[in-house]
Structures are given as structure tokens and as C-alpha cells.
Amino acid sequence: MSRKLVLPLALATMAFTGAHSVAQAADPAETIEYRQAVFQVTKNNFGPIAAMLKGEIEYDQAIVEKNAAVVQMMSTLVGDVFPEGTDALAGETNALMEIWDEPDAFSDKVAKFEETSQALVEAAESGDKRQLAAAVKDVGASCKACHDDFRRDDD
């Protein structure tokens, strides 16, 4: 099995067997590793969709649909991968303390990401590239909005 498939399959398995429980019960460092994997899988599946729309890589409808579904599934995990206890290590990651200090605002951003990711799936399944481009823009905006408020810049 390809290494590129192992992590997404492992994450999918965890997602369907209780990711919330895993994140809550795990050692904070393990939870952070899991959290970072969720975001990496999201990035690795969202990026090619955007690249296809820009003409950087060949458009493949089946891949667009598959990747959109993975992005949507990952979006449902985000709210569970910032449990109490991982805030103590926030300085060691790009997560800002505002995640834990402003849980309602953070939850709103996560909900928007879930909403736009669901719309991405619907747009991908439609086969309409204009609808897909709008959905990609909306997902990107929801990611940026959360990063602006809750993620430390790498600079």
C-alpha cells in the first residue's frame, strides 16, 4: 500500500471509530500530532482541487470528488482535536490560546469550515467548474478566517 494512502486511511478509520474519544483520551502530545495530521490530510486533498481549477495539473473529476469528500470528512474532526490539555502546549504549535479562551468564536469558525466543506462536496459532485471554483474560494476563506484569529503565523 502506498505511504500516501496509509495516513488518510488511518485517519478515516479513527474518524469512524470515535475520533472524539481518541482526541480526548490521548496524551496531549499525541493529540497534537493527530491534529496536525488532520490538517495535513486536509491540505493534501484541498490543494490538488485548487491546482486543477488553475490548470496547474490535469483536471480529473473522480479525484476532485474523492478529495472534496476527504476535506469534508476532515472538517468534521477539527472541533474535536483541540481538547483541554492541549492548550498547555499551544506555544509549541501554531495554535493560539484564543482557541481555548474564546471557544464559542472558535466553534463558529469550525462550523463555517464544515459548512463550506459540505458545499465543496456538492459542487464537486455537480461537475460544474464555476460552482466548484466558488466553493473552493469559500473553503479557502473559511480556513483563512480561522487562521487569522486562531493560528500563529510561521514567520
Protein backbone atom coordinates (compact mmCIF):
# COMPACT_ATOMS: atom_id res chain seq x y z
CA MET A 1 0.00 0.00 0.00
CA SER A 2 1.26 3.46 -0.88
CA ARG A 3 2.51 5.63 2.00
CA LYS A 4 0.31 8.42 0.63
CA LEU A 5 -2.75 6.28 1.36
CA VAL A 6 -1.76 5.00 4.80
CA LEU A 7 -2.29 8.21 6.80
CA PRO A 8 -5.62 9.13 5.20
CA LEU A 9 -6.88 5.60 5.71
CA ALA A 10 -5.71 5.57 9.32
CA LEU A 11 -7.38 8.92 9.95
CA ALA A 12 -10.56 7.76 8.28
CA THR A 13 -10.60 4.66 10.43
CA MET A 14 -10.09 6.75 13.56
CA ALA A 15 -12.80 9.15 12.44
CA PHE A 16 -15.35 6.41 12.05
CA THR A 17 -14.36 4.66 15.28
CA GLY A 18 -14.64 7.68 17.52
CA ALA A 19 -12.10 10.40 16.82
CA HIS A 20 -13.63 12.50 19.56
CA SER A 21 -12.87 9.80 22.12
CA VAL A 22 -9.37 9.31 20.74
CA ALA A 23 -8.58 13.02 20.92
CA GLN A 24 -9.99 13.34 24.44
CA ALA A 25 -8.24 10.28 25.83
CA ALA A 26 -4.85 10.62 24.20
CA ASP A 27 -1.74 12.18 25.64
CA PRO A 28 -1.69 15.91 24.71
CA ALA A 29 1.39 15.44 22.52
CA GLU A 30 -0.31 12.57 20.68
CA THR A 31 -3.46 14.64 20.25
CA ILE A 32 -1.41 17.46 18.75
CA GLU A 33 0.26 15.02 16.36
CA TYR A 34 -3.18 13.71 15.36
CA ARG A 35 -4.47 17.30 14.97
CA GLN A 36 -1.56 18.20 12.71
CA ALA A 37 -2.22 15.08 10.65
CA VAL A 38 -5.87 16.10 10.20
CA PHE A 39 -4.75 19.46 8.83
CA GLN A 40 -2.08 17.88 6.62
CA VAL A 41 -4.57 15.46 5.11
CA THR A 42 -6.95 18.37 4.53
CA LYS A 43 -4.23 20.40 2.82
CA ASN A 44 -3.09 17.44 0.71
CA ASN A 45 -6.62 16.90 -0.58
CA PHE A 46 -7.70 20.53 -0.98
CA GLY A 47 -4.56 21.67 -2.79
CA PRO A 48 -4.98 19.47 -5.86
CA ILE A 49 -8.56 20.65 -6.37
CA ALA A 50 -7.40 24.26 -6.46
CA ALA A 51 -4.45 23.33 -8.68
CA MET A 52 -6.78 21.60 -11.15
CA LEU A 53 -9.02 24.66 -11.34
CA LYS A 54 -5.98 26.85 -12.01
CA GLY A 55 -4.84 24.49 -14.76
CA GLU A 56 -1.64 23.63 -12.90
CA ILE A 57 -2.47 19.94 -13.08
CA GLU A 58 -4.85 18.00 -15.29
CA TYR A 59 -8.47 18.13 -14.19
CA ASP A 60 -9.80 14.76 -13.03
CA GLN A 61 -13.44 14.70 -11.92
CA ALA A 62 -13.05 11.49 -9.91
CA ILE A 63 -10.14 12.92 -7.94
CA VAL A 64 -11.99 16.18 -7.34
CA GLU A 65 -14.94 14.28 -5.89
CA LYS A 66 -12.75 12.00 -3.76
CA ASN A 67 -10.62 14.85 -2.45
CA ALA A 68 -13.65 17.01 -1.67
CA ALA A 69 -15.13 14.15 0.34
CA VAL A 70 -11.90 13.81 2.32
CA VAL A 71 -11.78 17.55 3.01
CA GLN A 72 -15.38 17.41 4.23
CA MET A 73 -14.68 14.43 6.48
CA MET A 74 -11.61 16.13 7.95
CA SER A 75 -13.66 19.27 8.61
CA THR A 76 -15.85 17.27 10.97
CA LEU A 77 -12.81 16.36 13.09
CA VAL A 78 -11.45 19.87 13.67
CA GLY A 79 -13.75 20.67 16.57
CA ASP A 80 -12.57 17.56 18.41
CA VAL A 81 -8.81 17.96 18.08
CA PHE A 82 -8.33 20.92 20.40
CA PRO A 83 -9.33 19.40 23.76
CA GLU A 84 -8.45 20.84 27.15
CA GLY A 85 -4.91 19.84 27.99
CA THR A 86 -3.50 20.57 24.57
CA ASP A 87 -3.72 24.28 25.35
CA ALA A 88 -0.76 23.86 27.71
CA LEU A 89 1.36 23.04 24.67
CA ALA A 90 -0.06 25.82 22.49
CA GLY A 91 3.26 27.66 22.43
CA GLU A 92 4.87 24.61 20.85
CA THR A 93 2.39 24.63 17.96
CA ASN A 94 0.79 27.27 15.76
CA ALA A 95 -2.42 27.11 17.82
CA LEU A 96 -3.17 30.32 19.70
CA MET A 97 -4.59 30.35 23.22
CA GLU A 98 -7.65 32.14 21.83
CA ILE A 99 -8.90 28.70 20.75
CA TRP A 100 -9.44 27.81 24.40
CA ASP A 101 -10.08 31.35 25.64
CA GLU A 102 -12.81 32.02 23.05
CA PRO A 103 -14.41 28.61 22.48
CA ASP A 104 -17.66 29.98 21.03
CA ALA A 105 -15.84 32.07 18.42
CA PHE A 106 -13.64 29.11 17.57
CA SER A 107 -16.67 26.81 17.29
CA ASP A 108 -18.28 29.29 14.91
CA LYS A 109 -15.21 29.19 12.65
CA VAL A 110 -15.16 25.38 12.73
CA ALA A 111 -18.86 25.28 11.86
CA LYS A 112 -18.23 27.57 8.89
CA PHE A 113 -15.43 25.27 7.71
CA GLU A 114 -17.77 22.27 7.98
CA GLU A 115 -20.48 24.15 6.09
CA THR A 116 -18.20 25.27 3.26
CA SER A 117 -16.65 21.81 3.04
CA GLN A 118 -20.09 20.26 2.59
CA ALA A 119 -20.80 22.77 -0.16
CA LEU A 120 -17.46 21.76 -1.73
CA VAL A 121 -18.64 18.15 -1.92
CA GLU A 122 -21.89 19.22 -3.54
CA ALA A 123 -20.06 21.43 -6.04
CA ALA A 124 -17.58 18.66 -6.83
CA GLU A 125 -20.40 16.20 -7.47
CA SER A 126 -22.18 18.69 -9.74
CA GLY A 127 -19.30 18.70 -12.21
CA ASP A 128 -19.83 22.45 -12.68
CA LYS A 129 -16.39 24.07 -12.57
CA ARG A 130 -17.79 27.53 -11.82
CA GLN A 131 -19.71 26.19 -8.84
CA LEU A 132 -16.60 24.27 -7.78
CA ALA A 133 -14.42 27.38 -8.06
CA ALA A 134 -16.85 29.33 -5.86
CA ALA A 135 -16.86 26.50 -3.30
CA VAL A 136 -13.04 26.34 -3.30
CA LYS A 137 -12.95 30.09 -2.70
CA ASP A 138 -15.40 29.73 0.20
CA VAL A 139 -13.45 26.89 1.82
CA GLY A 140 -10.25 28.87 1.46
CA ALA A 141 -11.90 31.90 3.03
CA SER A 142 -13.17 29.83 5.96
CA CYS A 143 -9.68 28.43 6.52
CA LYS A 144 -8.14 31.89 6.33
CA ALA A 145 -10.69 33.37 8.73
CA CYS A 146 -9.87 30.75 11.33
CA HIS A 147 -6.13 31.07 10.78
CA ASP A 148 -6.36 34.85 11.10
CA ASP A 149 -7.85 34.57 14.58
CA PHE A 150 -6.59 31.28 15.97
CA ARG A 151 -3.28 30.38 14.32
CA ARG A 152 0.17 31.85 14.89
CA ASP A 153 2.00 32.81 11.71
CA ASP A 154 5.11 30.82 10.88
CA ASP A 155 7.06 34.00 10.08
